[in-house]
Amino acid sequence: AIDIDERFLNYIEEKNKTLQLPVETRLVEPDDPQLKPGEADIVLIVDTYHHIENRPTYFARVRENLKPGGALVVVDFKKEEMPVGPPLEMKLDANTVVEELKKAGYQTITVDDTSLPYQYLIIAK
């Protein structure tokens, strides 16, 4: 698990004392996921895609370090008014995310905007 906020990593480590899952936590800089080549099967980004700067560059780095057949999964808030999530001006619509991921070199991109009430799910390979 990688994050730019040590509090979230501490939370994962504390939860894992009970779960005992094979989890490594790593504090990283906001502009570099610091993954090693072939290190990740899946990279999951939940409700934070819109916070990442230089997204095509960042997610190209992620893609380069996925294992063969690996995937990037993005879950983020739909760009519409709703009772949860960030303000509308912070949200990105799914089409914007798809275009940015294409620029980052992802070839196969699937969008699901019906399974979750407030968020879309994008799988990119």
Protein backbone atom coordinates (compact mmCIF):
# COMPACT_ATOMS: atom_id res chain seq x y z
CA ALA A 1 0.00 0.00 0.00
CA ILE A 2 1.42 3.35 -1.00
CA ASP A 3 0.21 6.75 0.10
CA ILE A 4 1.41 10.31 0.49
CA ASP A 5 -0.21 10.59 3.91
CA GLU A 6 1.42 8.64 6.73
CA ARG A 7 -1.86 8.59 8.70
CA PHE A 8 -3.49 6.32 6.12
CA LEU A 9 -0.52 3.97 6.12
CA ASN A 10 -0.62 3.82 9.92
CA TYR A 11 -4.32 2.93 9.71
CA ILE A 12 -3.57 0.07 7.30
CA GLU A 13 -0.76 -1.22 9.50
CA GLU A 14 -2.99 -1.11 12.58
CA LYS A 15 -5.84 -2.95 10.81
CA ASN A 16 -3.42 -5.53 9.48
CA LYS A 17 -2.32 -6.50 12.98
CA THR A 18 -5.64 -8.33 13.16
CA LEU A 19 -5.96 -9.39 9.51
CA GLN A 20 -2.35 -10.59 9.10
CA LEU A 21 -2.33 -10.03 5.32
CA PRO A 22 0.92 -9.81 3.32
CA VAL A 23 0.89 -6.01 3.09
CA GLU A 24 3.83 -3.66 2.74
CA THR A 25 3.24 0.04 3.32
CA ARG A 26 5.29 2.76 1.68
CA LEU A 27 5.20 6.54 2.11
CA VAL A 28 5.76 8.21 -1.29
CA GLU A 29 5.93 11.65 -2.88
CA PRO A 30 2.76 12.97 -4.58
CA ASP A 31 4.35 13.02 -8.05
CA ASP A 32 5.90 9.53 -8.08
CA PRO A 33 4.24 6.23 -7.13
CA GLN A 34 7.73 4.76 -6.54
CA LEU A 35 6.77 1.33 -7.82
CA LYS A 36 9.44 -1.08 -8.94
CA PRO A 37 9.25 -2.69 -12.40
CA GLY A 38 6.71 -5.52 -12.40
CA GLU A 39 5.88 -4.94 -8.75
CA ALA A 40 2.10 -4.52 -8.92
CA ASP A 41 -0.66 -6.79 -10.17
CA ILE A 42 -3.31 -4.14 -9.53
CA VAL A 43 -3.07 -0.48 -8.61
CA LEU A 44 -6.26 0.79 -6.97
CA ILE A 45 -6.97 4.52 -6.75
CA VAL A 46 -10.12 5.37 -4.76
CA ASP A 47 -11.57 8.89 -4.57
CA THR A 48 -8.18 10.53 -5.08
CA TYR A 49 -7.60 10.57 -8.86
CA HIS A 50 -8.62 14.23 -9.03
CA HIS A 51 -5.92 15.16 -6.47
CA ILE A 52 -3.02 13.84 -8.57
CA GLU A 53 -1.12 16.41 -10.64
CA ASN A 54 0.40 15.62 -14.04
CA ARG A 55 -1.85 12.58 -14.25
CA PRO A 56 -0.80 11.26 -17.69
CA THR A 57 2.85 11.24 -16.59
CA TYR A 58 2.04 9.76 -13.18
CA PHE A 59 -0.12 6.98 -14.60
CA ALA A 60 2.38 6.21 -17.35
CA ARG A 61 4.82 5.43 -14.51
CA VAL A 62 2.19 3.23 -12.90
CA ARG A 63 1.59 1.39 -16.21
CA GLU A 64 5.31 0.80 -16.73
CA ASN A 65 5.54 -0.92 -13.36
CA LEU A 66 2.51 -3.18 -13.60
CA LYS A 67 3.12 -6.87 -14.04
CA PRO A 68 2.16 -8.25 -17.48
CA GLY A 69 -1.63 -8.46 -17.49
CA GLY A 70 -1.83 -6.03 -14.56
CA ALA A 71 -4.43 -3.31 -14.29
CA LEU A 72 -5.07 0.14 -12.94
CA VAL A 73 -8.46 0.49 -11.24
CA VAL A 74 -9.83 3.99 -10.66
CA VAL A 75 -12.89 4.62 -8.51
CA ASP A 76 -13.85 8.27 -8.24
CA PHE A 77 -16.88 10.49 -7.85
CA LYS A 78 -19.13 11.19 -10.83
CA LYS A 79 -19.11 14.82 -11.90
CA GLU A 80 -22.58 15.71 -10.68
CA GLU A 81 -24.19 17.26 -7.64
CA MET A 82 -24.70 14.66 -4.91
CA PRO A 83 -24.86 14.46 -1.12
CA VAL A 84 -21.34 12.98 -0.82
CA GLY A 85 -17.89 13.63 -2.17
CA PRO A 86 -15.88 16.72 -2.98
CA PRO A 87 -17.32 19.91 -4.48
CA LEU A 88 -18.43 19.65 -8.11
CA GLU A 89 -15.50 21.75 -9.36
CA MET A 90 -13.02 19.18 -7.99
CA LYS A 91 -14.68 16.20 -9.68
CA LEU A 92 -13.63 14.83 -13.07
CA ASP A 93 -16.02 13.11 -15.43
CA ALA A 94 -15.17 9.58 -16.53
CA ASN A 95 -14.46 10.69 -20.12
CA THR A 96 -11.70 13.02 -18.90
CA VAL A 97 -10.13 10.17 -16.95
CA VAL A 98 -10.33 7.86 -19.98
CA GLU A 99 -8.63 10.46 -22.21
CA GLU A 100 -5.86 11.00 -19.67
CA LEU A 101 -5.28 7.26 -19.32
CA LYS A 102 -5.07 6.91 -23.10
CA LYS A 103 -2.39 9.64 -23.07
CA ALA A 104 -0.59 7.58 -20.40
CA GLY A 105 -0.48 4.61 -22.78
CA TYR A 106 -3.31 2.40 -21.56
CA GLN A 107 -4.83 0.43 -24.44
CA THR A 108 -7.88 -1.30 -22.96
CA ILE A 109 -10.12 0.87 -20.82
CA THR A 110 -13.48 -0.21 -19.40
CA VAL A 111 -15.90 2.21 -17.72
CA ASP A 112 -18.72 1.20 -15.36
CA ASP A 113 -20.83 4.11 -14.17
CA THR A 114 -23.88 2.15 -13.02
CA SER A 115 -22.69 -0.28 -10.32
CA LEU A 116 -21.97 2.38 -7.69
CA PRO A 117 -24.45 5.15 -6.85
CA TYR A 118 -21.97 8.03 -6.59
CA GLN A 119 -18.82 6.82 -8.30
CA TYR A 120 -17.60 5.40 -11.58
CA LEU A 121 -15.22 2.46 -11.89
CA ILE A 122 -12.56 2.43 -14.59
CA ILE A 123 -10.28 -0.52 -15.35
CA ALA A 124 -7.29 0.26 -17.55
CA LYS A 125 -4.70 -2.12 -18.97
